Amino acid sequence: DSIYWQGGALLVQESSPYESQYDLKGCKVGYTPGT
């Protein structure tokens, strides 16, 4: 059974202008394989 719940988080550089995934058009976004 579920022990707890969680959502996602998008990490960016402090100096970047990005505030959401919709600001990253044309950009590279990483992920951990298998997640």
PDB file of all heavy atoms in Angstrom:
ATOM      1  N   ASP A   1       0.853  -1.182   0.000  1.00  0.00           N
ATOM      2  CA  ASP A   1       0.000   0.000   0.000  1.00  0.00           C
ATOM      3  C   ASP A   1       0.892   1.235   0.000  1.00  0.00           C
ATOM      4  O   ASP A   1       2.082   1.169   0.340  1.00  0.00           O
ATOM      5  CB  ASP A   1      -0.888   0.016   1.251  1.00  0.00           C
ATOM      6  CG  ASP A   1      -1.967  -1.064   1.207  1.00  0.00           C
ATOM      7  OD1 ASP A   1      -2.244  -1.588   0.108  1.00  0.00           O
ATOM      8  OD2 ASP A   1      -2.514  -1.390   2.279  1.00  0.00           O
ATOM      9  N   SER A   2       0.318   2.377  -0.364  1.00  0.00           N
ATOM     10  CA  SER A   2       1.094   3.616  -0.399  1.00  0.00           C
ATOM     11  C   SER A   2       1.568   3.997   1.006  1.00  0.00           C
ATOM     12  O   SER A   2       0.802   3.930   1.968  1.00  0.00           O
ATOM     13  CB  SER A   2       0.244   4.747  -0.969  1.00  0.00           C
ATOM     14  OG  SER A   2      -0.203   4.438  -2.272  1.00  0.00           O
ATOM     15  N   ILE A   3       2.827   4.394   1.081  1.00  0.00           N
ATOM     16  CA  ILE A   3       3.405   4.812   2.360  1.00  0.00           C
ATOM     17  C   ILE A   3       3.311   6.330   2.493  1.00  0.00           C
ATOM     18  O   ILE A   3       3.018   6.857   3.556  1.00  0.00           O
ATOM     19  CB  ILE A   3       4.871   4.348   2.466  1.00  0.00           C
ATOM     20  CG1 ILE A   3       4.976   2.843   2.200  1.00  0.00           C
ATOM     21  CG2 ILE A   3       5.442   4.695   3.837  1.00  0.00           C
ATOM     22  CD1 ILE A   3       6.393   2.353   2.063  1.00  0.00           C
ATOM     23  N   TYR A   4       3.564   7.034   1.394  1.00  0.00           N
ATOM     24  CA  TYR A   4       3.424   8.482   1.349  1.00  0.00           C
ATOM     25  C   TYR A   4       3.271   8.894  -0.112  1.00  0.00           C
ATOM     26  O   TYR A   4       3.284   8.045  -1.007  1.00  0.00           O
ATOM     27  CB  TYR A   4       4.623   9.185   2.010  1.00  0.00           C
ATOM     28  CG  TYR A   4       5.972   8.875   1.391  1.00  0.00           C
ATOM     29  CD1 TYR A   4       6.492   9.643   0.348  1.00  0.00           C
ATOM     30  CD2 TYR A   4       6.752   7.822   1.863  1.00  0.00           C
ATOM     31  CE1 TYR A   4       7.728   9.374  -0.213  1.00  0.00           C
ATOM     32  CE2 TYR A   4       7.996   7.538   1.316  1.00  0.00           C
ATOM     33  CZ  TYR A   4       8.481   8.316   0.278  1.00  0.00           C
ATOM     34  OH  TYR A   4       9.703   8.038  -0.275  1.00  0.00           O
ATOM     35  N   TRP A   5       3.095  10.178  -0.364  1.00  0.00           N
ATOM     36  CA  TRP A   5       2.934  10.637  -1.738  1.00  0.00           C
ATOM     37  C   TRP A   5       3.877  11.808  -2.014  1.00  0.00           C
ATOM     38  O   TRP A   5       4.362  12.465  -1.093  1.00  0.00           O
ATOM     39  CB  TRP A   5       1.481  11.043  -2.021  1.00  0.00           C
ATOM     40  CG  TRP A   5       0.968  12.208  -1.212  1.00  0.00           C
ATOM     41  CD1 TRP A   5       0.424  12.149   0.034  1.00  0.00           C
ATOM     42  CD2 TRP A   5       0.976  13.582  -1.584  1.00  0.00           C
ATOM     43  NE1 TRP A   5       0.082  13.405   0.463  1.00  0.00           N
ATOM     44  CE2 TRP A   5       0.404  14.313  -0.509  1.00  0.00           C
ATOM     45  CE3 TRP A   5       1.397  14.280  -2.715  1.00  0.00           C
ATOM     46  CZ2 TRP A   5       0.258  15.700  -0.543  1.00  0.00           C
ATOM     47  CZ3 TRP A   5       1.251  15.661  -2.749  1.00  0.00           C
ATOM     48  CH2 TRP A   5       0.687  16.351  -1.673  1.00  0.00           C
ATOM     49  N   GLN A   6       4.126  12.049  -3.296  1.00  0.00           N
ATOM     50  CA  GLN A   6       5.002  13.159  -3.673  1.00  0.00           C
ATOM     51  C   GLN A   6       4.739  13.577  -5.121  1.00  0.00           C
ATOM     52  O   GLN A   6       4.205  12.809  -5.910  1.00  0.00           O
ATOM     53  CB  GLN A   6       6.472  12.772  -3.536  1.00  0.00           C
ATOM     54  CG  GLN A   6       6.904  11.695  -4.526  1.00  0.00           C
ATOM     55  CD  GLN A   6       8.370  11.323  -4.395  1.00  0.00           C
ATOM     56  OE1 GLN A   6       8.957  11.415  -3.333  1.00  0.00           O
ATOM     57  NE2 GLN A   6       8.968  10.905  -5.488  1.00  0.00           N
ATOM     58  N   GLY A   7       5.132  14.782  -5.444  1.00  0.00           N
ATOM     59  CA  GLY A   7       5.045  15.277  -6.810  1.00  0.00           C
ATOM     60  C   GLY A   7       6.422  15.444  -7.399  1.00  0.00           C
ATOM     61  O   GLY A   7       7.415  14.954  -6.861  1.00  0.00           O
ATOM     62  N   GLY A   8       6.501  16.143  -8.510  1.00  0.00           N
ATOM     63  CA  GLY A   8       7.779  16.357  -9.171  1.00  0.00           C
ATOM     64  C   GLY A   8       8.341  17.737  -8.867  1.00  0.00           C
ATOM     65  O   GLY A   8       7.670  18.594  -8.279  1.00  0.00           O
ATOM     66  N   ALA A   9       9.581  17.946  -9.282  1.00  0.00           N
ATOM     67  CA  ALA A   9      10.237  19.244  -9.133  1.00  0.00           C
ATOM     68  C   ALA A   9      11.155  19.447 -10.335  1.00  0.00           C
ATOM     69  O   ALA A   9      11.866  18.528 -10.740  1.00  0.00           O
ATOM     70  CB  ALA A   9      11.038  19.295  -7.837  1.00  0.00           C
ATOM     71  N   LEU A  10      11.094  20.630 -10.907  1.00  0.00           N
ATOM     72  CA  LEU A  10      11.940  20.971 -12.049  1.00  0.00           C
ATOM     73  C   LEU A  10      13.059  21.877 -11.561  1.00  0.00           C
ATOM     74  O   LEU A  10      12.824  22.988 -11.079  1.00  0.00           O
ATOM     75  CB  LEU A  10      11.112  21.674 -13.128  1.00  0.00           C
ATOM     76  CG  LEU A  10      11.858  22.101 -14.399  1.00  0.00           C
ATOM     77  CD1 LEU A  10      12.436  20.884 -15.119  1.00  0.00           C
ATOM     78  CD2 LEU A  10      10.915  22.881 -15.317  1.00  0.00           C
ATOM     79  N   LEU A  11      14.281  21.399 -11.684  1.00  0.00           N
ATOM     80  CA  LEU A  11      15.453  22.136 -11.226  1.00  0.00           C
ATOM     81  C   LEU A  11      16.098  22.839 -12.419  1.00  0.00           C
ATOM     82  O   LEU A  11      16.260  22.243 -13.490  1.00  0.00           O
ATOM     83  CB  LEU A  11      16.448  21.161 -10.595  1.00  0.00           C
ATOM     84  CG  LEU A  11      17.496  21.702  -9.624  1.00  0.00           C
ATOM     85  CD1 LEU A  11      16.823  22.352  -8.413  1.00  0.00           C
ATOM     86  CD2 LEU A  11      18.427  20.587  -9.169  1.00  0.00           C
ATOM     87  N   VAL A  12      16.455  24.110 -12.229  1.00  0.00           N
ATOM     88  CA  VAL A  12      17.102  24.903 -13.283  1.00  0.00           C
ATOM     89  C   VAL A  12      18.244  25.704 -12.660  1.00  0.00           C
ATOM     90  O   VAL A  12      18.376  25.765 -11.429  1.00  0.00           O
ATOM     91  CB  VAL A  12      16.098  25.871 -13.969  1.00  0.00           C
ATOM     92  CG1 VAL A  12      15.010  25.087 -14.693  1.00  0.00           C
ATOM     93  CG2 VAL A  12      15.483  26.842 -12.960  1.00  0.00           C
ATOM     94  N   GLN A  13      19.061  26.335 -13.494  1.00  0.00           N
ATOM     95  CA  GLN A  13      20.137  27.177 -12.981  1.00  0.00           C
ATOM     96  C   GLN A  13      19.553  28.466 -12.404  1.00  0.00           C
ATOM     97  O   GLN A  13      18.562  29.000 -12.900  1.00  0.00           O
ATOM     98  CB  GLN A  13      21.128  27.503 -14.098  1.00  0.00           C
ATOM     99  CG  GLN A  13      21.953  26.320 -14.553  1.00  0.00           C
ATOM    100  CD  GLN A  13      23.038  26.729 -15.555  1.00  0.00           C
ATOM    101  OE1 GLN A  13      22.973  27.794 -16.160  1.00  0.00           O
ATOM    102  NE2 GLN A  13      24.034  25.872 -15.723  1.00  0.00           N
ATOM    103  N   GLU A  14      20.207  28.972 -11.359  1.00  0.00           N
ATOM    104  CA  GLU A  14      19.747  30.195 -10.707  1.00  0.00           C
ATOM    105  C   GLU A  14      19.671  31.372 -11.675  1.00  0.00           C
ATOM    106  O   GLU A  14      18.762  32.202 -11.603  1.00  0.00           O
ATOM    107  CB  GLU A  14      20.681  30.565  -9.545  1.00  0.00           C
ATOM    108  CG  GLU A  14      20.398  29.820  -8.265  1.00  0.00           C
ATOM    109  CD  GLU A  14      21.297  30.284  -7.120  1.00  0.00           C
ATOM    110  OE1 GLU A  14      22.246  31.061  -7.379  1.00  0.00           O
ATOM    111  OE2 GLU A  14      21.048  29.866  -5.978  1.00  0.00           O
ATOM    112  N   SER A  15      20.608  31.428 -12.602  1.00  0.00           N
ATOM    113  CA  SER A  15      20.698  32.567 -13.520  1.00  0.00           C
ATOM    114  C   SER A  15      19.786  32.444 -14.739  1.00  0.00           C
ATOM    115  O   SER A  15      19.701  33.369 -15.546  1.00  0.00           O
ATOM    116  CB  SER A  15      22.143  32.733 -13.998  1.00  0.00           C
ATOM    117  OG  SER A  15      22.592  31.537 -14.645  1.00  0.00           O
ATOM    118  N   SER A  16      19.091  31.300 -14.849  1.00  0.00           N
ATOM    119  CA  SER A  16      18.253  31.083 -16.023  1.00  0.00           C
ATOM    120  C   SER A  16      16.926  31.830 -15.900  1.00  0.00           C
ATOM    121  O   SER A  16      16.468  32.107 -14.793  1.00  0.00           O
ATOM    122  CB  SER A  16      17.982  29.594 -16.214  1.00  0.00           C
ATOM    123  OG  SER A  16      16.989  29.162 -15.306  1.00  0.00           O
ATOM    124  N   PRO A  17      16.268  32.112 -17.037  1.00  0.00           N
ATOM    125  CA  PRO A  17      14.973  32.796 -17.011  1.00  0.00           C
ATOM    126  C   PRO A  17      13.794  31.826 -16.895  1.00  0.00           C
ATOM    127  O   PRO A  17      12.640  32.254 -16.862  1.00  0.00           O
ATOM    128  CB  PRO A  17      14.940  33.512 -18.369  1.00  0.00           C
ATOM    129  CG  PRO A  17      15.699  32.585 -19.268  1.00  0.00           C
ATOM    130  CD  PRO A  17      16.782  31.977 -18.418  1.00  0.00           C
ATOM    131  N   TYR A  18      14.066  30.521 -16.807  1.00  0.00           N
ATOM    132  CA  TYR A  18      13.007  29.514 -16.877  1.00  0.00           C
ATOM    133  C   TYR A  18      12.248  29.397 -15.563  1.00  0.00           C
ATOM    134  O   TYR A  18      12.850  29.269 -14.498  1.00  0.00           O
ATOM    135  CB  TYR A  18      13.595  28.156 -17.252  1.00  0.00           C
ATOM    136  CG  TYR A  18      14.547  28.207 -18.427  1.00  0.00           C
ATOM    137  CD1 TYR A  18      15.840  27.695 -18.316  1.00  0.00           C
ATOM    138  CD2 TYR A  18      14.163  28.780 -19.639  1.00  0.00           C
ATOM    139  CE1 TYR A  18      16.720  27.742 -19.387  1.00  0.00           C
ATOM    140  CE2 TYR A  18      15.034  28.836 -20.716  1.00  0.00           C
ATOM    141  CZ  TYR A  18      16.314  28.319 -20.576  1.00  0.00           C
ATOM    142  OH  TYR A  18      17.177  28.380 -21.638  1.00  0.00           O
ATOM    143  N   GLU A  19      10.913  29.428 -15.658  1.00  0.00           N
ATOM    144  CA  GLU A  19      10.084  29.288 -14.468  1.00  0.00           C
ATOM    145  C   GLU A  19       9.171  28.065 -14.531  1.00  0.00           C
ATOM    146  O   GLU A  19       8.566  27.690 -13.544  1.00  0.00           O
ATOM    147  CB  GLU A  19       9.245  30.544 -14.244  1.00  0.00           C
ATOM    148  CG  GLU A  19      10.068  31.767 -13.833  1.00  0.00           C
ATOM    149  CD  GLU A  19      10.837  31.573 -12.525  1.00  0.00           C
ATOM    150  OE1 GLU A  19      10.482  30.678 -11.733  1.00  0.00           O
ATOM    151  OE2 GLU A  19      11.814  32.318 -12.304  1.00  0.00           O
ATOM    152  N   SER A  20       9.058  27.444 -15.696  1.00  0.00           N
ATOM    153  CA  SER A  20       8.254  26.230 -15.829  1.00  0.00           C
ATOM    154  C   SER A  20       8.726  25.458 -17.054  1.00  0.00           C
ATOM    155  O   SER A  20       9.563  25.951 -17.825  1.00  0.00           O
ATOM    156  CB  SER A  20       6.764  26.560 -15.963  1.00  0.00           C
ATOM    157  OG  SER A  20       6.456  26.973 -17.287  1.00  0.00           O
ATOM    158  N   GLN A  21       8.171  24.281 -17.252  1.00  0.00           N
ATOM    159  CA  GLN A  21       8.529  23.493 -18.420  1.00  0.00           C
ATOM    160  C   GLN A  21       8.155  24.199 -19.712  1.00  0.00           C
ATOM    161  O   GLN A  21       8.776  23.981 -20.764  1.00  0.00           O
ATOM    162  CB  GLN A  21       7.882  22.100 -18.365  1.00  0.00           C
ATOM    163  CG  GLN A  21       6.358  22.087 -18.319  1.00  0.00           C
ATOM    164  CD  GLN A  21       5.821  22.010 -16.912  1.00  0.00           C
ATOM    165  OE1 GLN A  21       6.271  22.749 -16.032  1.00  0.00           O
ATOM    166  NE2 GLN A  21       4.859  21.109 -16.687  1.00  0.00           N
ATOM    167  N   TYR A  22       7.175  25.103 -19.628  1.00  0.00           N
ATOM    168  CA  TYR A  22       6.708  25.784 -20.830  1.00  0.00           C
ATOM    169  C   TYR A  22       7.633  26.920 -21.260  1.00  0.00           C
ATOM    170  O   TYR A  22       7.442  27.511 -22.326  1.00  0.00           O
ATOM    171  CB  TYR A  22       5.277  26.295 -20.612  1.00  0.00           C
ATOM    172  CG  TYR A  22       4.326  25.162 -20.314  1.00  0.00           C
ATOM    173  CD1 TYR A  22       3.871  24.935 -19.021  1.00  0.00           C
ATOM    174  CD2 TYR A  22       3.930  24.278 -21.316  1.00  0.00           C
ATOM    175  CE1 TYR A  22       3.033  23.865 -18.732  1.00  0.00           C
ATOM    176  CE2 TYR A  22       3.087  23.209 -21.040  1.00  0.00           C
ATOM    177  CZ  TYR A  22       2.646  23.010 -19.740  1.00  0.00           C
ATOM    178  OH  TYR A  22       1.823  21.949 -19.468  1.00  0.00           O
ATOM    179  N   ASP A  23       8.656  27.195 -20.461  1.00  0.00           N
ATOM    180  CA  ASP A  23       9.674  28.179 -20.827  1.00  0.00           C
ATOM    181  C   ASP A  23      10.890  27.517 -21.473  1.00  0.00           C
ATOM    182  O   ASP A  23      11.837  28.205 -21.862  1.00  0.00           O
ATOM    183  CB  ASP A  23      10.147  28.950 -19.583  1.00  0.00           C
ATOM    184  CG  ASP A  23       9.030  29.748 -18.940  1.00  0.00           C
ATOM    185  OD1 ASP A  23       8.136  30.206 -19.682  1.00  0.00           O
ATOM    186  OD2 ASP A  23       9.056  29.913 -17.707  1.00  0.00           O
ATOM    187  N   LEU A  24      10.874  26.180 -21.596  1.00  0.00           N
ATOM    188  CA  LEU A  24      12.064  25.432 -22.025  1.00  0.00           C
ATOM    189  C   LEU A  24      11.987  24.955 -23.483  1.00  0.00           C
ATOM    190  O   LEU A  24      12.638  23.987 -23.850  1.00  0.00           O
ATOM    191  CB  LEU A  24      12.281  24.233 -21.096  1.00  0.00           C
ATOM    192  CG  LEU A  24      12.779  24.596 -19.690  1.00  0.00           C
ATOM    193  CD1 LEU A  24      12.530  23.462 -18.722  1.00  0.00           C
ATOM    194  CD2 LEU A  24      14.261  24.958 -19.727  1.00  0.00           C
ATOM    195  N   LYS A  25      11.218  25.644 -24.296  1.00  0.00           N
ATOM    196  CA  LYS A  25      11.091  25.271 -25.709  1.00  0.00           C
ATOM    197  C   LYS A  25      12.477  25.319 -26.368  1.00  0.00           C
ATOM    198  O   LYS A  25      13.197  26.306 -26.260  1.00  0.00           O
ATOM    199  CB  LYS A  25      10.131  26.224 -26.435  1.00  0.00           C
ATOM    200  CG  LYS A  25       9.781  25.775 -27.848  1.00  0.00           C
ATOM    201  CD  LYS A  25       8.724  26.675 -28.445  1.00  0.00           C
ATOM    202  CE  LYS A  25       8.349  26.248 -29.864  1.00  0.00           C
ATOM    203  NZ  LYS A  25       7.705  24.916 -29.899  1.00  0.00           N
ATOM    204  N   GLY A  26      12.846  24.229 -27.031  1.00  0.00           N
ATOM    205  CA  GLY A  26      14.145  24.139 -27.683  1.00  0.00           C
ATOM    206  C   GLY A  26      15.289  23.771 -26.758  1.00  0.00           C
ATOM    207  O   GLY A  26      16.439  23.637 -27.199  1.00  0.00           O
ATOM    208  N   CYS A  27      15.002  23.576 -25.462  1.00  0.00           N
ATOM    209  CA  CYS A  27      16.044  23.287 -24.474  1.00  0.00           C
ATOM    210  C   CYS A  27      16.138  21.790 -24.165  1.00  0.00           C
ATOM    211  O   CYS A  27      15.242  21.008 -24.475  1.00  0.00           O
ATOM    212  CB  CYS A  27      15.763  24.058 -23.188  1.00  0.00           C
ATOM    213  SG  CYS A  27      15.778  25.847 -23.378  1.00  0.00           S
ATOM    214  N   LYS A  28      17.235  21.424 -23.494  1.00  0.00           N
ATOM    215  CA  LYS A  28      17.457  20.039 -23.087  1.00  0.00           C
ATOM    216  C   LYS A  28      17.047  19.871 -21.623  1.00  0.00           C
ATOM    217  O   LYS A  28      17.487  20.640 -20.756  1.00  0.00           O
ATOM    218  CB  LYS A  28      18.928  19.662 -23.236  1.00  0.00           C
ATOM    219  CG  LYS A  28      19.447  19.694 -24.672  1.00  0.00           C
ATOM    220  CD  LYS A  28      20.925  19.330 -24.713  1.00  0.00           C
ATOM    221  CE  LYS A  28      21.454  19.331 -26.141  1.00  0.00           C
ATOM    222  NZ  LYS A  28      22.909  18.984 -26.181  1.00  0.00           N
ATOM    223  N   VAL A  29      16.234  18.856 -21.386  1.00  0.00           N
ATOM    224  CA  VAL A  29      15.812  18.561 -20.008  1.00  0.00           C
ATOM    225  C   VAL A  29      16.207  17.126 -19.676  1.00  0.00           C
ATOM    226  O   VAL A  29      15.927  16.191 -20.442  1.00  0.00           O
ATOM    227  CB  VAL A  29      14.292  18.755 -19.832  1.00  0.00           C
ATOM    228  CG1 VAL A  29      13.875  18.364 -18.417  1.00  0.00           C
ATOM    229  CG2 VAL A  29      13.910  20.205 -20.106  1.00  0.00           C
ATOM    230  N   GLY A  30      16.849  16.944 -18.536  1.00  0.00           N
ATOM    231  CA  GLY A  30      17.344  15.628 -18.140  1.00  0.00           C
ATOM    232  C   GLY A  30      16.380  14.865 -17.257  1.00  0.00           C
ATOM    233  O   GLY A  30      15.480  15.436 -16.630  1.00  0.00           O
ATOM    234  N   TYR A  31      16.588  13.541 -17.205  1.00  0.00           N
ATOM    235  CA  TYR A  31      15.816  12.655 -16.338  1.00  0.00           C
ATOM    236  C   TYR A  31      16.691  11.477 -15.944  1.00  0.00           C
ATOM    237  O   TYR A  31      17.687  11.164 -16.610  1.00  0.00           O
ATOM    238  CB  TYR A  31      14.550  12.140 -17.054  1.00  0.00           C
ATOM    239  CG  TYR A  31      14.839  11.331 -18.296  1.00  0.00           C
ATOM    240  CD1 TYR A  31      15.153   9.974 -18.222  1.00  0.00           C
ATOM    241  CD2 TYR A  31      14.814  11.922 -19.559  1.00  0.00           C
ATOM    242  CE1 TYR A  31      15.436   9.225 -19.353  1.00  0.00           C
ATOM    243  CE2 TYR A  31      15.092  11.188 -20.697  1.00  0.00           C
ATOM    244  CZ  TYR A  31      15.390   9.839 -20.599  1.00  0.00           C
ATOM    245  OH  TYR A  31      15.683   9.104 -21.721  1.00  0.00           O
ATOM    246  N   THR A  32      16.332  10.826 -14.860  1.00  0.00           N
ATOM    247  CA  THR A  32      17.024   9.609 -14.444  1.00  0.00           C
ATOM    248  C   THR A  32      16.345   8.409 -15.110  1.00  0.00           C
ATOM    249  O   THR A  32      15.147   8.211 -14.939  1.00  0.00           O
ATOM    250  CB  THR A  32      16.967   9.443 -12.918  1.00  0.00           C
ATOM    251  OG1 THR A  32      17.605  10.566 -12.294  1.00  0.00           O
ATOM    252  CG2 THR A  32      17.661   8.157 -12.477  1.00  0.00           C
ATOM    253  N   PRO A  33      17.089   7.629 -15.902  1.00  0.00           N
ATOM    254  CA  PRO A  33      16.489   6.490 -16.615  1.00  0.00           C
ATOM    255  C   PRO A  33      15.769   5.524 -15.682  1.00  0.00           C
ATOM    256  O   PRO A  33      16.249   5.232 -14.590  1.00  0.00           O
ATOM    257  CB  PRO A  33      17.699   5.816 -17.272  1.00  0.00           C
ATOM    258  CG  PRO A  33      18.713   6.899 -17.402  1.00  0.00           C
ATOM    259  CD  PRO A  33      18.526   7.766 -16.190  1.00  0.00           C
ATOM    260  N   GLY A  34      14.600   5.070 -16.115  1.00  0.00           N
ATOM    261  CA  GLY A  34      13.845   4.097 -15.346  1.00  0.00           C
ATOM    262  C   GLY A  34      12.866   4.704 -14.363  1.00  0.00           C
ATOM    263  O   GLY A  34      12.022   3.997 -13.819  1.00  0.00           O
ATOM    264  N   THR A  35      12.961   6.019 -14.126  1.00  0.00           N
ATOM    265  CA  THR A  35      12.027   6.669 -13.207  1.00  0.00           C
ATOM    266  C   THR A  35      10.769   7.090 -13.955  1.00  0.00           C
ATOM    267  O   THR A  35      10.736   7.153 -15.184  1.00  0.00           O
ATOM    268  CB  THR A  35      12.652   7.918 -12.559  1.00  0.00           C
ATOM    269  OG1 THR A  35      12.893   8.902 -13.573  1.00  0.00           O
ATOM    270  CG2 THR A  35      13.972   7.576 -11.880  1.00  0.00           C
TER     271      THR A  35
END
